[in-house]
Amino acid sequence: MDKITFQAFEKLQKCEHLLRVARNQMALGRIPREEFWKREAEILSRFSLTLEEQRAYDLHLRMTQSKRHR
């Protein structure tokens, strides 16, 4: 896995973790729904993939899927 693909995976993992934390806080009643939506938008914009990272991630997915279907 090259550096760009690794960065993409790292960003996606951090994004999913922070979204899960915010979702759990909302479910437990610690934050209201509006605050969750605000945090969700911030997290998604902060950890969005660059075009280069998105291409590397898509290529990695295609390669791994083609290996599974052999």
N, C-alpha and C. Protein backbone atom coordinates (compact mmCIF):
# COMPACT_ATOMS: atom_id res chain seq x y z
N MET A 1 0.86 -1.17 0.00
CA MET A 1 0.00 0.00 0.00
C MET A 1 0.90 1.23 0.00
N ASP A 2 0.63 2.14 -0.90
CA ASP A 2 1.48 3.33 -0.99
C ASP A 2 1.05 4.39 0.03
N LYS A 3 1.83 5.44 0.09
CA LYS A 3 1.65 6.48 1.10
C LYS A 3 0.28 7.17 0.98
N ILE A 4 -0.14 7.47 -0.24
CA ILE A 4 -1.39 8.19 -0.45
C ILE A 4 -2.58 7.32 -0.05
N THR A 5 -2.53 6.04 -0.40
CA THR A 5 -3.61 5.13 -0.02
C THR A 5 -3.68 5.00 1.50
N PHE A 6 -2.52 4.92 2.12
CA PHE A 6 -2.47 4.83 3.58
C PHE A 6 -3.08 6.08 4.22
N GLN A 7 -2.78 7.25 3.68
CA GLN A 7 -3.35 8.50 4.20
C GLN A 7 -4.87 8.49 4.06
N ALA A 8 -5.35 7.98 2.93
CA ALA A 8 -6.80 7.92 2.70
C ALA A 8 -7.46 7.01 3.74
N PHE A 9 -6.88 5.84 3.98
CA PHE A 9 -7.43 4.92 4.97
C PHE A 9 -7.41 5.55 6.36
N GLU A 10 -6.32 6.23 6.67
CA GLU A 10 -6.19 6.87 7.97
C GLU A 10 -7.27 7.94 8.17
N LYS A 11 -7.49 8.76 7.15
CA LYS A 11 -8.53 9.79 7.22
C LYS A 11 -9.91 9.18 7.39
N LEU A 12 -10.19 8.13 6.62
CA LEU A 12 -11.50 7.49 6.70
C LEU A 12 -11.74 6.86 8.07
N GLN A 13 -10.69 6.27 8.64
CA GLN A 13 -10.82 5.66 9.97
C GLN A 13 -11.09 6.72 11.04
N LYS A 14 -10.37 7.83 10.97
CA LYS A 14 -10.58 8.91 11.94
C LYS A 14 -11.98 9.49 11.80
N CYS A 15 -12.41 9.67 10.57
CA CYS A 15 -13.74 10.21 10.31
C CYS A 15 -14.81 9.30 10.89
N GLU A 16 -14.72 8.01 10.61
CA GLU A 16 -15.70 7.05 11.11
C GLU A 16 -15.71 7.01 12.63
N HIS A 17 -14.54 7.08 13.25
CA HIS A 17 -14.46 7.07 14.71
C HIS A 17 -15.16 8.29 15.30
N LEU A 18 -14.85 9.47 14.78
CA LEU A 18 -15.44 10.69 15.31
C LEU A 18 -16.95 10.73 15.08
N LEU A 19 -17.40 10.23 13.93
CA LEU A 19 -18.84 10.16 13.67
C LEU A 19 -19.53 9.20 14.64
N ARG A 20 -18.87 8.08 14.91
CA ARG A 20 -19.43 7.10 15.85
C ARG A 20 -19.54 7.70 17.26
N VAL A 21 -18.50 8.44 17.67
CA VAL A 21 -18.52 9.08 18.99
C VAL A 21 -19.67 10.08 19.07
N ALA A 22 -19.80 10.92 18.05
CA ALA A 22 -20.87 11.93 18.04
C ALA A 22 -22.25 11.26 18.03
N ARG A 23 -22.40 10.19 17.26
CA ARG A 23 -23.67 9.47 17.19
C ARG A 23 -24.02 8.87 18.56
N ASN A 24 -23.01 8.32 19.23
CA ASN A 24 -23.25 7.75 20.56
C ASN A 24 -23.63 8.83 21.57
N GLN A 25 -22.98 9.99 21.48
CA GLN A 25 -23.31 11.08 22.39
C GLN A 25 -24.75 11.55 22.18
N MET A 26 -25.17 11.59 20.93
CA MET A 26 -26.55 11.98 20.64
C MET A 26 -27.52 10.92 21.18
N ALA A 27 -27.18 9.66 20.97
CA ALA A 27 -28.05 8.57 21.42
C ALA A 27 -28.19 8.56 22.94
N LEU A 28 -27.14 8.94 23.64
CA LEU A 28 -27.18 8.97 25.10
C LEU A 28 -27.79 10.26 25.64
N GLY A 29 -28.12 11.18 24.75
CA GLY A 29 -28.74 12.43 25.16
C GLY A 29 -27.78 13.49 25.64
N ARG A 30 -26.50 13.30 25.38
CA ARG A 30 -25.50 14.28 25.83
C ARG A 30 -25.46 15.51 24.94
N ILE A 31 -25.80 15.33 23.67
CA ILE A 31 -25.87 16.46 22.74
C ILE A 31 -27.19 16.39 21.99
N PRO A 32 -27.77 17.54 21.67
CA PRO A 32 -29.03 17.54 20.89
C PRO A 32 -28.76 17.21 19.42
N ARG A 33 -29.81 16.89 18.71
CA ARG A 33 -29.71 16.50 17.31
C ARG A 33 -29.05 17.59 16.45
N GLU A 34 -29.38 18.85 16.72
CA GLU A 34 -28.82 19.96 15.94
C GLU A 34 -27.30 20.04 16.12
N GLU A 35 -26.86 19.81 17.35
CA GLU A 35 -25.41 19.80 17.63
C GLU A 35 -24.74 18.65 16.89
N PHE A 36 -25.42 17.49 16.85
CA PHE A 36 -24.87 16.35 16.11
C PHE A 36 -24.71 16.69 14.64
N TRP A 37 -25.74 17.31 14.05
CA TRP A 37 -25.66 17.66 12.63
C TRP A 37 -24.51 18.63 12.37
N LYS A 38 -24.31 19.57 13.29
CA LYS A 38 -23.22 20.54 13.16
C LYS A 38 -21.87 19.82 13.22
N ARG A 39 -21.73 18.93 14.21
CA ARG A 39 -20.47 18.18 14.35
C ARG A 39 -20.24 17.27 13.15
N GLU A 40 -21.31 16.64 12.67
CA GLU A 40 -21.20 15.75 11.52
C GLU A 40 -20.68 16.50 10.30
N ALA A 41 -21.22 17.69 10.05
CA ALA A 41 -20.77 18.50 8.92
C ALA A 41 -19.31 18.90 9.07
N GLU A 42 -18.91 19.26 10.29
CA GLU A 42 -17.51 19.64 10.54
C GLU A 42 -16.57 18.46 10.31
N ILE A 43 -16.96 17.30 10.81
CA ILE A 43 -16.12 16.11 10.67
C ILE A 43 -15.99 15.72 9.21
N LEU A 44 -17.11 15.71 8.48
CA LEU A 44 -17.07 15.31 7.07
C LEU A 44 -16.24 16.28 6.23
N SER A 45 -16.32 17.57 6.53
CA SER A 45 -15.53 18.53 5.75
C SER A 45 -14.06 18.46 6.14
N ARG A 46 -13.80 18.21 7.41
CA ARG A 46 -12.40 18.16 7.89
C ARG A 46 -11.66 16.94 7.35
N PHE A 47 -12.34 15.82 7.25
CA PHE A 47 -11.68 14.59 6.83
C PHE A 47 -12.07 14.15 5.42
N SER A 48 -12.49 15.08 4.58
CA SER A 48 -12.81 14.70 3.20
C SER A 48 -11.51 14.37 2.46
N LEU A 49 -11.60 13.40 1.58
CA LEU A 49 -10.43 12.96 0.83
C LEU A 49 -10.12 13.93 -0.30
N THR A 50 -8.83 14.12 -0.55
CA THR A 50 -8.44 14.90 -1.71
C THR A 50 -8.70 14.06 -2.95
N LEU A 51 -8.65 14.67 -4.11
CA LEU A 51 -8.87 13.94 -5.35
C LEU A 51 -7.85 12.82 -5.51
N GLU A 52 -6.61 13.11 -5.17
CA GLU A 52 -5.53 12.12 -5.28
C GLU A 52 -5.78 10.94 -4.33
N GLU A 53 -6.18 11.24 -3.10
CA GLU A 53 -6.47 10.19 -2.13
C GLU A 53 -7.67 9.36 -2.56
N GLN A 54 -8.69 10.00 -3.11
CA GLN A 54 -9.88 9.28 -3.56
C GLN A 54 -9.54 8.33 -4.69
N ARG A 55 -8.71 8.78 -5.62
CA ARG A 55 -8.29 7.91 -6.73
C ARG A 55 -7.51 6.71 -6.22
N ALA A 56 -6.58 6.95 -5.29
CA ALA A 56 -5.78 5.87 -4.74
C ALA A 56 -6.66 4.87 -3.99
N TYR A 57 -7.62 5.37 -3.24
CA TYR A 57 -8.53 4.51 -2.49
C TYR A 57 -9.39 3.68 -3.44
N ASP A 58 -9.93 4.31 -4.49
CA ASP A 58 -10.75 3.59 -5.47
C ASP A 58 -9.94 2.51 -6.18
N LEU A 59 -8.71 2.82 -6.53
CA LEU A 59 -7.84 1.85 -7.18
C LEU A 59 -7.58 0.66 -6.25
N HIS A 60 -7.32 0.96 -5.00
CA HIS A 60 -7.08 -0.10 -4.02
C HIS A 60 -8.31 -1.01 -3.89
N LEU A 61 -9.50 -0.42 -3.84
CA LEU A 61 -10.72 -1.21 -3.74
C LEU A 61 -10.91 -2.11 -4.96
N ARG A 62 -10.67 -1.55 -6.14
CA ARG A 62 -10.81 -2.36 -7.36
C ARG A 62 -9.83 -3.52 -7.37
N MET A 63 -8.60 -3.26 -6.93
CA MET A 63 -7.58 -4.32 -6.92
C MET A 63 -7.95 -5.41 -5.92
N THR A 64 -8.41 -5.04 -4.74
CA THR A 64 -8.75 -6.05 -3.74
C THR A 64 -10.01 -6.82 -4.13
N GLN A 65 -10.97 -6.16 -4.77
CA GLN A 65 -12.18 -6.85 -5.20
C GLN A 65 -11.88 -7.82 -6.33
N SER A 66 -10.98 -7.45 -7.23
CA SER A 66 -10.65 -8.35 -8.33
C SER A 66 -9.91 -9.58 -7.82
N LYS A 67 -9.12 -9.43 -6.75
CA LYS A 67 -8.42 -10.57 -6.17
C LYS A 67 -9.40 -11.53 -5.51
N ARG A 68 -10.47 -11.00 -4.94
CA ARG A 68 -11.46 -11.85 -4.26
C ARG A 68 -12.30 -12.65 -5.24
N HIS A 69 -12.51 -12.12 -6.44
CA HIS A 69 -13.39 -12.77 -7.41
C HIS A 69 -12.67 -13.78 -8.30
N ARG A 70 -11.43 -14.02 -8.06
CA ARG A 70 -10.69 -14.98 -8.90
C ARG A 70 -11.04 -16.39 -8.55
